[in-house]
Amino acid sequence: MYAVCVTFQLHQDSLAAFMPLMLRNAQTSLKDEVGCHRFDVLTNKDASDRVFLYELYTDRAAFDTHLAGDHFKTFDAAVAPMIAHKDIQTWDQVAQ
């Protein structure tokens, strides 16, 4: 498995506009991408300008398919002005 963890630092007052787009991206990924097994969207009540994602894919190729998808490209372009900073970490499963 291949895990992707993303932390978004949003510009002030962007969360309300960001979340529906983020949730739609997550739902579409789970529904339409065979290699996407999990796509959790998390928030922290004490840090309302941050959103954390935990995504689980079959392998790196499945994640690359996600990045190349039209729904992701549309999402990415729409939310770009809302993001102050984005940290992406990827993890390869070593053993089960």
PDB file of N, CA and C in Angstrom:
ATOM      1  N   MET A   1       0.836  -1.186   0.000  1.00  0.00           N
ATOM      2  CA  MET A   1       0.000   0.000   0.000  1.00  0.00           C
ATOM      3  C   MET A   1       0.878   1.246   0.000  1.00  0.00           C
ATOM      4  N   TYR A   2       0.288   2.339  -0.431  1.00  0.00           N
ATOM      5  CA  TYR A   2       0.983   3.615  -0.549  1.00  0.00           C
ATOM      6  C   TYR A   2       0.111   4.673   0.126  1.00  0.00           C
ATOM      7  N   ALA A   3       0.628   5.288   1.176  1.00  0.00           N
ATOM      8  CA  ALA A   3      -0.133   6.278   1.941  1.00  0.00           C
ATOM      9  C   ALA A   3       0.327   7.684   1.582  1.00  0.00           C
ATOM     10  N   VAL A   4      -0.631   8.582   1.511  1.00  0.00           N
ATOM     11  CA  VAL A   4      -0.364   9.993   1.249  1.00  0.00           C
ATOM     12  C   VAL A   4      -1.013  10.798   2.367  1.00  0.00           C
ATOM     13  N   CYS A   5      -0.211  11.650   3.011  1.00  0.00           N
ATOM     14  CA  CYS A   5      -0.706  12.529   4.066  1.00  0.00           C
ATOM     15  C   CYS A   5      -0.472  13.966   3.624  1.00  0.00           C
ATOM     16  N   VAL A   6      -1.528  14.737   3.622  1.00  0.00           N
ATOM     17  CA  VAL A   6      -1.437  16.130   3.167  1.00  0.00           C
ATOM     18  C   VAL A   6      -2.004  17.026   4.256  1.00  0.00           C
ATOM     19  N   THR A   7      -1.264  18.073   4.586  1.00  0.00           N
ATOM     20  CA  THR A   7      -1.763  19.092   5.502  1.00  0.00           C
ATOM     21  C   THR A   7      -1.868  20.399   4.729  1.00  0.00           C
ATOM     22  N   PHE A   8      -3.085  20.923   4.674  1.00  0.00           N
ATOM     23  CA  PHE A   8      -3.330  22.217   4.046  1.00  0.00           C
ATOM     24  C   PHE A   8      -3.390  23.291   5.122  1.00  0.00           C
ATOM     25  N   GLN A   9      -2.665  24.347   4.929  1.00  0.00           N
ATOM     26  CA  GLN A   9      -2.799  25.566   5.733  1.00  0.00           C
ATOM     27  C   GLN A   9      -3.559  26.532   4.835  1.00  0.00           C
ATOM     28  N   LEU A  10      -4.780  26.858   5.203  1.00  0.00           N
ATOM     29  CA  LEU A  10      -5.632  27.692   4.365  1.00  0.00           C
ATOM     30  C   LEU A  10      -5.487  29.165   4.723  1.00  0.00           C
ATOM     31  N   HIS A  11      -5.774  30.004   3.741  1.00  0.00           N
ATOM     32  CA  HIS A  11      -5.862  31.428   4.022  1.00  0.00           C
ATOM     33  C   HIS A  11      -7.075  31.655   4.933  1.00  0.00           C
ATOM     34  N   GLN A  12      -7.002  32.682   5.720  1.00  0.00           N
ATOM     35  CA  GLN A  12      -8.069  32.994   6.664  1.00  0.00           C
ATOM     36  C   GLN A  12      -9.423  33.050   5.961  1.00  0.00           C
ATOM     37  N   ASP A  13     -10.423  32.468   6.580  1.00  0.00           N
ATOM     38  CA  ASP A  13     -11.808  32.463   6.107  1.00  0.00           C
ATOM     39  C   ASP A  13     -12.021  31.688   4.802  1.00  0.00           C
ATOM     40  N   SER A  14     -11.143  30.743   4.484  1.00  0.00           N
ATOM     41  CA  SER A  14     -11.290  29.943   3.266  1.00  0.00           C
ATOM     42  C   SER A  14     -11.928  28.578   3.499  1.00  0.00           C
ATOM     43  N   LEU A  15     -12.030  28.160   4.754  1.00  0.00           N
ATOM     44  CA  LEU A  15     -12.498  26.810   5.047  1.00  0.00           C
ATOM     45  C   LEU A  15     -13.892  26.526   4.478  1.00  0.00           C
ATOM     46  N   ALA A  16     -14.805  27.444   4.604  1.00  0.00           N
ATOM     47  CA  ALA A  16     -16.192  27.213   4.135  1.00  0.00           C
ATOM     48  C   ALA A  16     -16.241  26.964   2.634  1.00  0.00           C
ATOM     49  N   ALA A  17     -15.420  27.637   1.874  1.00  0.00           N
ATOM     50  CA  ALA A  17     -15.384  27.437   0.427  1.00  0.00           C
ATOM     51  C   ALA A  17     -14.569  26.199   0.054  1.00  0.00           C
ATOM     52  N   PHE A  18     -13.548  25.916   0.839  1.00  0.00           N
ATOM     53  CA  PHE A  18     -12.641  24.802   0.555  1.00  0.00           C
ATOM     54  C   PHE A  18     -13.293  23.436   0.794  1.00  0.00           C
ATOM     55  N   MET A  19     -14.000  23.289   1.895  1.00  0.00           N
ATOM     56  CA  MET A  19     -14.482  21.965   2.309  1.00  0.00           C
ATOM     57  C   MET A  19     -15.422  21.273   1.318  1.00  0.00           C
ATOM     58  N   PRO A  20     -16.400  21.936   0.730  1.00  0.00           N
ATOM     59  CA  PRO A  20     -17.249  21.210  -0.233  1.00  0.00           C
ATOM     60  C   PRO A  20     -16.449  20.687  -1.433  1.00  0.00           C
ATOM     61  N   LEU A  21     -15.472  21.459  -1.875  1.00  0.00           N
ATOM     62  CA  LEU A  21     -14.629  21.024  -2.992  1.00  0.00           C
ATOM     63  C   LEU A  21     -13.751  19.849  -2.574  1.00  0.00           C
ATOM     64  N   MET A  22     -13.214  19.923  -1.370  1.00  0.00           N
ATOM     65  CA  MET A  22     -12.366  18.852  -0.855  1.00  0.00           C
ATOM     66  C   MET A  22     -13.149  17.562  -0.684  1.00  0.00           C
ATOM     67  N   LEU A  23     -14.332  17.662  -0.103  1.00  0.00           N
ATOM     68  CA  LEU A  23     -15.155  16.471   0.114  1.00  0.00           C
ATOM     69  C   LEU A  23     -15.594  15.844  -1.207  1.00  0.00           C
ATOM     70  N   ARG A  24     -15.911  16.666  -2.187  1.00  0.00           N
ATOM     71  CA  ARG A  24     -16.284  16.141  -3.508  1.00  0.00           C
ATOM     72  C   ARG A  24     -15.095  15.409  -4.134  1.00  0.00           C
ATOM     73  N   ASN A  25     -13.904  15.971  -4.018  1.00  0.00           N
ATOM     74  CA  ASN A  25     -12.701  15.327  -4.544  1.00  0.00           C
ATOM     75  C   ASN A  25     -12.484  13.971  -3.874  1.00  0.00           C
ATOM     76  N   ALA A  26     -12.624  13.921  -2.562  1.00  0.00           N
ATOM     77  CA  ALA A  26     -12.436  12.673  -1.829  1.00  0.00           C
ATOM     78  C   ALA A  26     -13.470  11.624  -2.251  1.00  0.00           C
ATOM     79  N   GLN A  27     -14.733  12.022  -2.318  1.00  0.00           N
ATOM     80  CA  GLN A  27     -15.804  11.088  -2.685  1.00  0.00           C
ATOM     81  C   GLN A  27     -15.621  10.555  -4.102  1.00  0.00           C
ATOM     82  N   THR A  28     -15.248  11.436  -5.031  1.00  0.00           N
ATOM     83  CA  THR A  28     -15.037  11.010  -6.414  1.00  0.00           C
ATOM     84  C   THR A  28     -13.850  10.068  -6.512  1.00  0.00           C
ATOM     85  N   SER A  29     -12.799  10.355  -5.777  1.00  0.00           N
ATOM     86  CA  SER A  29     -11.620   9.480  -5.780  1.00  0.00           C
ATOM     87  C   SER A  29     -11.992   8.080  -5.312  1.00  0.00           C
ATOM     88  N   LEU A  30     -12.718   7.986  -4.220  1.00  0.00           N
ATOM     89  CA  LEU A  30     -13.122   6.685  -3.690  1.00  0.00           C
ATOM     90  C   LEU A  30     -14.067   5.945  -4.634  1.00  0.00           C
ATOM     91  N   LYS A  31     -14.953   6.675  -5.264  1.00  0.00           N
ATOM     92  CA  LYS A  31     -15.960   6.057  -6.125  1.00  0.00           C
ATOM     93  C   LYS A  31     -15.384   5.620  -7.471  1.00  0.00           C
ATOM     94  N   ASP A  32     -14.531   6.456  -8.063  1.00  0.00           N
ATOM     95  CA  ASP A  32     -14.116   6.243  -9.450  1.00  0.00           C
ATOM     96  C   ASP A  32     -12.714   5.672  -9.639  1.00  0.00           C
ATOM     97  N   GLU A  33     -11.885   5.723  -8.623  1.00  0.00           N
ATOM     98  CA  GLU A  33     -10.498   5.267  -8.777  1.00  0.00           C
ATOM     99  C   GLU A  33     -10.324   3.902  -8.098  1.00  0.00           C
ATOM    100  N   VAL A  34     -10.112   2.895  -8.897  1.00  0.00           N
ATOM    101  CA  VAL A  34      -9.978   1.523  -8.392  1.00  0.00           C
ATOM    102  C   VAL A  34      -8.845   1.423  -7.368  1.00  0.00           C
ATOM    103  N   GLY A  35      -7.763   2.156  -7.569  1.00  0.00           N
ATOM    104  CA  GLY A  35      -6.606   2.064  -6.692  1.00  0.00           C
ATOM    105  C   GLY A  35      -6.675   2.909  -5.442  1.00  0.00           C
ATOM    106  N   CYS A  36      -7.766   3.677  -5.252  1.00  0.00           N
ATOM    107  CA  CYS A  36      -7.937   4.503  -4.058  1.00  0.00           C
ATOM    108  C   CYS A  36      -8.782   3.726  -3.050  1.00  0.00           C
ATOM    109  N   HIS A  37      -8.184   3.394  -1.918  1.00  0.00           N
ATOM    110  CA  HIS A  37      -8.856   2.564  -0.915  1.00  0.00           C
ATOM    111  C   HIS A  37      -9.402   3.364   0.265  1.00  0.00           C
ATOM    112  N   ARG A  38      -8.802   4.502   0.531  1.00  0.00           N
ATOM    113  CA  ARG A  38      -9.240   5.320   1.665  1.00  0.00           C
ATOM    114  C   ARG A  38      -8.902   6.768   1.361  1.00  0.00           C
ATOM    115  N   PHE A  39      -9.797   7.661   1.760  1.00  0.00           N
ATOM    116  CA  PHE A  39      -9.554   9.095   1.550  1.00  0.00           C
ATOM    117  C   PHE A  39     -10.272   9.832   2.677  1.00  0.00           C
ATOM    118  N   ASP A  40      -9.563  10.029   3.768  1.00  0.00           N
ATOM    119  CA  ASP A  40     -10.138  10.690   4.940  1.00  0.00           C
ATOM    120  C   ASP A  40      -9.795  12.174   4.913  1.00  0.00           C
ATOM    121  N   VAL A  41     -10.778  12.997   5.221  1.00  0.00           N
ATOM    122  CA  VAL A  41     -10.606  14.447   5.330  1.00  0.00           C
ATOM    123  C   VAL A  41     -10.862  14.803   6.790  1.00  0.00           C
ATOM    124  N   LEU A  42      -9.863  15.397   7.439  1.00  0.00           N
ATOM    125  CA  LEU A  42      -9.954  15.668   8.875  1.00  0.00           C
ATOM    126  C   LEU A  42      -9.698  17.143   9.162  1.00  0.00           C
ATOM    127  N   THR A  43     -10.381  17.634  10.181  1.00  0.00           N
ATOM    128  CA  THR A  43     -10.169  19.002  10.646  1.00  0.00           C
ATOM    129  C   THR A  43      -9.924  18.970  12.150  1.00  0.00           C
ATOM    130  N   ASN A  44      -9.472  20.102  12.662  1.00  0.00           N
ATOM    131  CA  ASN A  44      -9.185  20.244  14.082  1.00  0.00           C
ATOM    132  C   ASN A  44      -9.905  21.500  14.560  1.00  0.00           C
ATOM    133  N   LYS A  45     -10.785  21.358  15.528  1.00  0.00           N
ATOM    134  CA  LYS A  45     -11.579  22.512  15.991  1.00  0.00           C
ATOM    135  C   LYS A  45     -10.702  23.630  16.540  1.00  0.00           C
ATOM    136  N   ASP A  46      -9.481  23.304  16.968  1.00  0.00           N
ATOM    137  CA  ASP A  46      -8.573  24.313  17.503  1.00  0.00           C
ATOM    138  C   ASP A  46      -7.676  24.931  16.437  1.00  0.00           C
ATOM    139  N   ALA A  47      -7.789  24.439  15.202  1.00  0.00           N
ATOM    140  CA  ALA A  47      -6.974  24.962  14.091  1.00  0.00           C
ATOM    141  C   ALA A  47      -7.849  25.014  12.848  1.00  0.00           C
ATOM    142  N   SER A  48      -8.784  25.934  12.816  1.00  0.00           N
ATOM    143  CA  SER A  48      -9.797  25.967  11.755  1.00  0.00           C
ATOM    144  C   SER A  48      -9.246  26.354  10.386  1.00  0.00           C
ATOM    145  N   ASP A  49      -7.974  26.705  10.330  1.00  0.00           N
ATOM    146  CA  ASP A  49      -7.377  27.038   9.044  1.00  0.00           C
ATOM    147  C   ASP A  49      -6.563  25.874   8.475  1.00  0.00           C
ATOM    148  N   ARG A  50      -6.658  24.684   9.100  1.00  0.00           N
ATOM    149  CA  ARG A  50      -5.906  23.519   8.632  1.00  0.00           C
ATOM    150  C   ARG A  50      -6.833  22.349   8.327  1.00  0.00           C
ATOM    151  N   VAL A  51      -6.479  21.624   7.264  1.00  0.00           N
ATOM    152  CA  VAL A  51      -7.204  20.412   6.874  1.00  0.00           C
ATOM    153  C   VAL A  51      -6.146  19.345   6.617  1.00  0.00           C
ATOM    154  N   PHE A  52      -6.390  18.151   7.162  1.00  0.00           N
ATOM    155  CA  PHE A  52      -5.460  17.042   7.012  1.00  0.00           C
ATOM    156  C   PHE A  52      -6.122  15.937   6.198  1.00  0.00           C
ATOM    157  N   LEU A  53      -5.391  15.371   5.248  1.00  0.00           N
ATOM    158  CA  LEU A  53      -5.882  14.255   4.447  1.00  0.00           C
ATOM    159  C   LEU A  53      -5.044  13.017   4.729  1.00  0.00           C
ATOM    160  N   TYR A  54      -5.717  11.878   4.797  1.00  0.00           N
ATOM    161  CA  TYR A  54      -5.048  10.583   4.832  1.00  0.00           C
ATOM    162  C   TYR A  54      -5.627   9.784   3.677  1.00  0.00           C
ATOM    163  N   GLU A  55      -4.769   9.484   2.700  1.00  0.00           N
ATOM    164  CA  GLU A  55      -5.191   8.767   1.499  1.00  0.00           C
ATOM    165  C   GLU A  55      -4.405   7.471   1.399  1.00  0.00           C
ATOM    166  N   LEU A  56      -5.064   6.408   0.989  1.00  0.00           N
ATOM    167  CA  LEU A  56      -4.411   5.117   0.855  1.00  0.00           C
ATOM    168  C   LEU A  56      -4.678   4.553  -0.535  1.00  0.00           C
ATOM    169  N   TYR A  57      -3.594   4.258  -1.238  1.00  0.00           N
ATOM    170  CA  TYR A  57      -3.656   3.758  -2.611  1.00  0.00           C
ATOM    171  C   TYR A  57      -2.967   2.403  -2.694  1.00  0.00           C
ATOM    172  N   THR A  58      -3.287   1.664  -3.729  1.00  0.00           N
ATOM    173  CA  THR A  58      -2.657   0.368  -3.951  1.00  0.00           C
ATOM    174  C   THR A  58      -1.141   0.522  -4.067  1.00  0.00           C
ATOM    175  N   ASP A  59      -0.706   1.532  -4.827  1.00  0.00           N
ATOM    176  CA  ASP A  59       0.720   1.766  -5.048  1.00  0.00           C
ATOM    177  C   ASP A  59       0.908   3.174  -5.604  1.00  0.00           C
ATOM    178  N   ARG A  60       2.138   3.533  -5.884  1.00  0.00           N
ATOM    179  CA  ARG A  60       2.442   4.871  -6.407  1.00  0.00           C
ATOM    180  C   ARG A  60       1.744   5.117  -7.749  1.00  0.00           C
ATOM    181  N   ALA A  61       1.659   4.091  -8.571  1.00  0.00           N
ATOM    182  CA  ALA A  61       0.990   4.244  -9.869  1.00  0.00           C
ATOM    183  C   ALA A  61      -0.478   4.636  -9.688  1.00  0.00           C
ATOM    184  N   ALA A  62      -1.143   4.076  -8.695  1.00  0.00           N
ATOM    185  CA  ALA A  62      -2.546   4.432  -8.433  1.00  0.00           C
ATOM    186  C   ALA A  62      -2.657   5.888  -7.989  1.00  0.00           C
ATOM    187  N   PHE A  63      -1.702   6.353  -7.196  1.00  0.00           N
ATOM    188  CA  PHE A  63      -1.696   7.761  -6.791  1.00  0.00           C
ATOM    189  C   PHE A  63      -1.429   8.665  -7.992  1.00  0.00           C
ATOM    190  N   ASP A  64      -0.521   8.257  -8.855  1.00  0.00           N
ATOM    191  CA  ASP A  64      -0.253   9.041 -10.070  1.00  0.00           C
ATOM    192  C   ASP A  64      -1.497   9.130 -10.951  1.00  0.00           C
ATOM    193  N   THR A  65      -2.270   8.044 -11.013  1.00  0.00           N
ATOM    194  CA  THR A  65      -3.541   8.059 -11.754  1.00  0.00           C
ATOM    195  C   THR A  65      -4.488   9.084 -11.137  1.00  0.00           C
ATOM    196  N   HIS A  66      -4.524   9.133  -9.812  1.00  0.00           N
ATOM    197  CA  HIS A  66      -5.343  10.126  -9.109  1.00  0.00           C
ATOM    198  C   HIS A  66      -4.934  11.546  -9.513  1.00  0.00           C
ATOM    199  N   LEU A  67      -3.640  11.820  -9.480  1.00  0.00           N
ATOM    200  CA  LEU A  67      -3.141  13.159  -9.803  1.00  0.00           C
ATOM    201  C   LEU A  67      -3.426  13.554 -11.251  1.00  0.00           C
ATOM    202  N   ALA A  68      -3.495  12.573 -12.132  1.00  0.00           N
ATOM    203  CA  ALA A  68      -3.734  12.842 -13.555  1.00  0.00           C
ATOM    204  C   ALA A  68      -5.213  12.964 -13.905  1.00  0.00           C
ATOM    205  N   GLY A  69      -6.085  12.629 -12.956  1.00  0.00           N
ATOM    206  CA  GLY A  69      -7.520  12.625 -13.227  1.00  0.00           C
ATOM    207  C   GLY A  69      -8.106  14.025 -13.377  1.00  0.00           C
ATOM    208  N   ASP A  70      -9.107  14.127 -14.217  1.00  0.00           N
ATOM    209  CA  ASP A  70      -9.760  15.422 -14.457  1.00  0.00           C
ATOM    210  C   ASP A  70     -10.356  16.003 -13.185  1.00  0.00           C
ATOM    211  N   HIS A  71     -10.980  15.162 -12.366  1.00  0.00           N
ATOM    212  CA  HIS A  71     -11.619  15.685 -11.153  1.00  0.00           C
ATOM    213  C   HIS A  71     -10.570  16.260 -10.200  1.00  0.00           C
ATOM    214  N   PHE A  72      -9.386  15.634 -10.119  1.00  0.00           N
ATOM    215  CA  PHE A  72      -8.336  16.189  -9.264  1.00  0.00           C
ATOM    216  C   PHE A  72      -7.807  17.502  -9.836  1.00  0.00           C
ATOM    217  N   LYS A  73      -7.573  17.538 -11.121  1.00  0.00           N
ATOM    218  CA  LYS A  73      -7.053  18.768 -11.740  1.00  0.00           C
ATOM    219  C   LYS A  73      -8.032  19.935 -11.547  1.00  0.00           C
ATOM    220  N   THR A  74      -9.321  19.663 -11.675  1.00  0.00           N
ATOM    221  CA  THR A  74     -10.339  20.690 -11.463  1.00  0.00           C
ATOM    222  C   THR A  74     -10.325  21.167 -10.013  1.00  0.00           C
ATOM    223  N   PHE A  75     -10.282  20.216  -9.085  1.00  0.00           N
ATOM    224  CA  PHE A  75     -10.203  20.541  -7.663  1.00  0.00           C
ATOM    225  C   PHE A  75      -8.957  21.370  -7.366  1.00  0.00           C
ATOM    226  N   ASP A  76      -7.818  20.912  -7.823  1.00  0.00           N
ATOM    227  CA  ASP A  76      -6.546  21.565  -7.538  1.00  0.00           C
ATOM    228  C   ASP A  76      -6.540  23.018  -8.024  1.00  0.00           C
ATOM    229  N   ALA A  77      -7.055  23.251  -9.206  1.00  0.00           N
ATOM    230  CA  ALA A  77      -7.109  24.622  -9.738  1.00  0.00           C
ATOM    231  C   ALA A  77      -8.074  25.497  -8.940  1.00  0.00           C
ATOM    232  N   ALA A  78      -9.187  24.912  -8.528  1.00  0.00           N
ATOM    233  CA  ALA A  78     -10.212  25.691  -7.804  1.00  0.00           C
ATOM    234  C   ALA A  78      -9.745  26.099  -6.410  1.00  0.00           C
ATOM    235  N   VAL A  79      -8.990  25.226  -5.732  1.00  0.00           N
ATOM    236  CA  VAL A  79      -8.600  25.528  -4.350  1.00  0.00           C
ATOM    237  C   VAL A  79      -7.252  26.230  -4.238  1.00  0.00           C
ATOM    238  N   ALA A  80      -6.483  26.287  -5.299  1.00  0.00           N
ATOM    239  CA  ALA A  80      -5.141  26.881  -5.236  1.00  0.00           C
ATOM    240  C   ALA A  80      -5.126  28.260  -4.578  1.00  0.00           C
ATOM    241  N   PRO A  81      -6.060  29.167  -4.910  1.00  0.00           N
ATOM    242  CA  PRO A  81      -6.021  30.483  -4.269  1.00  0.00           C
ATOM    243  C   PRO A  81      -6.381  30.474  -2.781  1.00  0.00           C
ATOM    244  N   MET A  82      -6.937  29.376  -2.299  1.00  0.00           N
ATOM    245  CA  MET A  82      -7.345  29.278  -0.901  1.00  0.00           C
ATOM    246  C   MET A  82      -6.225  28.768   0.000  1.00  0.00           C
ATOM    247  N   ILE A  83      -5.154  28.256  -0.588  1.00  0.00           N
ATOM    248  CA  ILE A  83      -4.111  27.560   0.164  1.00  0.00           C
ATOM    249  C   ILE A  83      -2.914  28.476   0.406  1.00  0.00           C
ATOM    250  N   ALA A  84      -2.577  28.632   1.686  1.00  0.00           N
ATOM    251  CA  ALA A  84      -1.382  29.395   2.050  1.00  0.00           C
ATOM    252  C   ALA A  84      -0.146  28.506   1.990  1.00  0.00           C
ATOM    253  N   HIS A  85      -0.299  27.238   2.380  1.00  0.00           N
ATOM    254  CA  HIS A  85       0.815  26.291   2.375  1.00  0.00           C
ATOM    255  C   HIS A  85       0.250  24.877   2.327  1.00  0.00           C
ATOM    256  N   LYS A  86       0.997  23.979   1.691  1.00  0.00           N
ATOM    257  CA  LYS A  86       0.580  22.578   1.612  1.00  0.00           C
ATOM    258  C   LYS A  86       1.809  21.696   1.851  1.00  0.00           C
ATOM    259  N   ASP A  87       1.677  20.753   2.775  1.00  0.00           N
ATOM    260  CA  ASP A  87       2.743  19.800   3.064  1.00  0.00           C
ATOM    261  C   ASP A  87       2.262  18.415   2.655  1.00  0.00           C
ATOM    262  N   ILE A  88       3.031  17.737   1.805  1.00  0.00           N
ATOM    263  CA  ILE A  88       2.674  16.399   1.325  1.00  0.00           C
ATOM    264  C   ILE A  88       3.754  15.419   1.757  1.00  0.00           C
ATOM    265  N   GLN A  89       3.318  14.335   2.384  1.00  0.00           N
ATOM    266  CA  GLN A  89       4.229  13.252   2.745  1.00  0.00           C
ATOM    267  C   GLN A  89       3.676  11.964   2.166  1.00  0.00           C
ATOM    268  N   THR A  90       4.560  11.128   1.642  1.00  0.00           N
ATOM    269  CA  THR A  90       4.151   9.828   1.103  1.00  0.00           C
ATOM    270  C   THR A  90       4.907   8.743   1.856  1.00  0.00           C
ATOM    271  N   TRP A  91       4.227   7.599   1.973  1.00  0.00           N
ATOM    272  CA  TRP A  91       4.745   6.497   2.771  1.00  0.00           C
ATOM    273  C   TRP A  91       4.501   5.186   2.046  1.00  0.00           C
ATOM    274  N   ASP A  92       5.527   4.356   1.961  1.00  0.00           N
ATOM    275  CA  ASP A  92       5.408   3.009   1.383  1.00  0.00           C
ATOM    276  C   ASP A  92       5.249   1.991   2.493  1.00  0.00           C
ATOM    277  N   GLN A  93       4.310   1.076   2.327  1.00  0.00           N
ATOM    278  CA  GLN A  93       4.115   0.027   3.324  1.00  0.00           C
ATOM    279  C   GLN A  93       5.302  -0.932   3.276  1.00  0.00           C
ATOM    280  N   VAL A  94       5.825  -1.246   4.438  1.00  0.00           N
ATOM    281  CA  VAL A  94       6.962  -2.151   4.548  1.00  0.00           C
ATOM    282  C   VAL A  94       6.490  -3.583   4.783  1.00  0.00           C
ATOM    283  N   ALA A  95       5.525  -3.761   5.688  1.00  0.00           N
ATOM    284  CA  ALA A  95       5.020  -5.093   6.003  1.00  0.00           C
ATOM    285  C   ALA A  95       3.585  -4.974   6.499  1.00  0.00           C
ATOM    286  N   GLN A  96       2.867  -6.084   6.431  1.00  0.00           N
ATOM    287  CA  GLN A  96       1.481  -6.096   6.917  1.00  0.00           C
ATOM    288  C   GLN A  96       1.408  -6.602   8.323  1.00  0.00           C
TER     289      GLN A  96
END
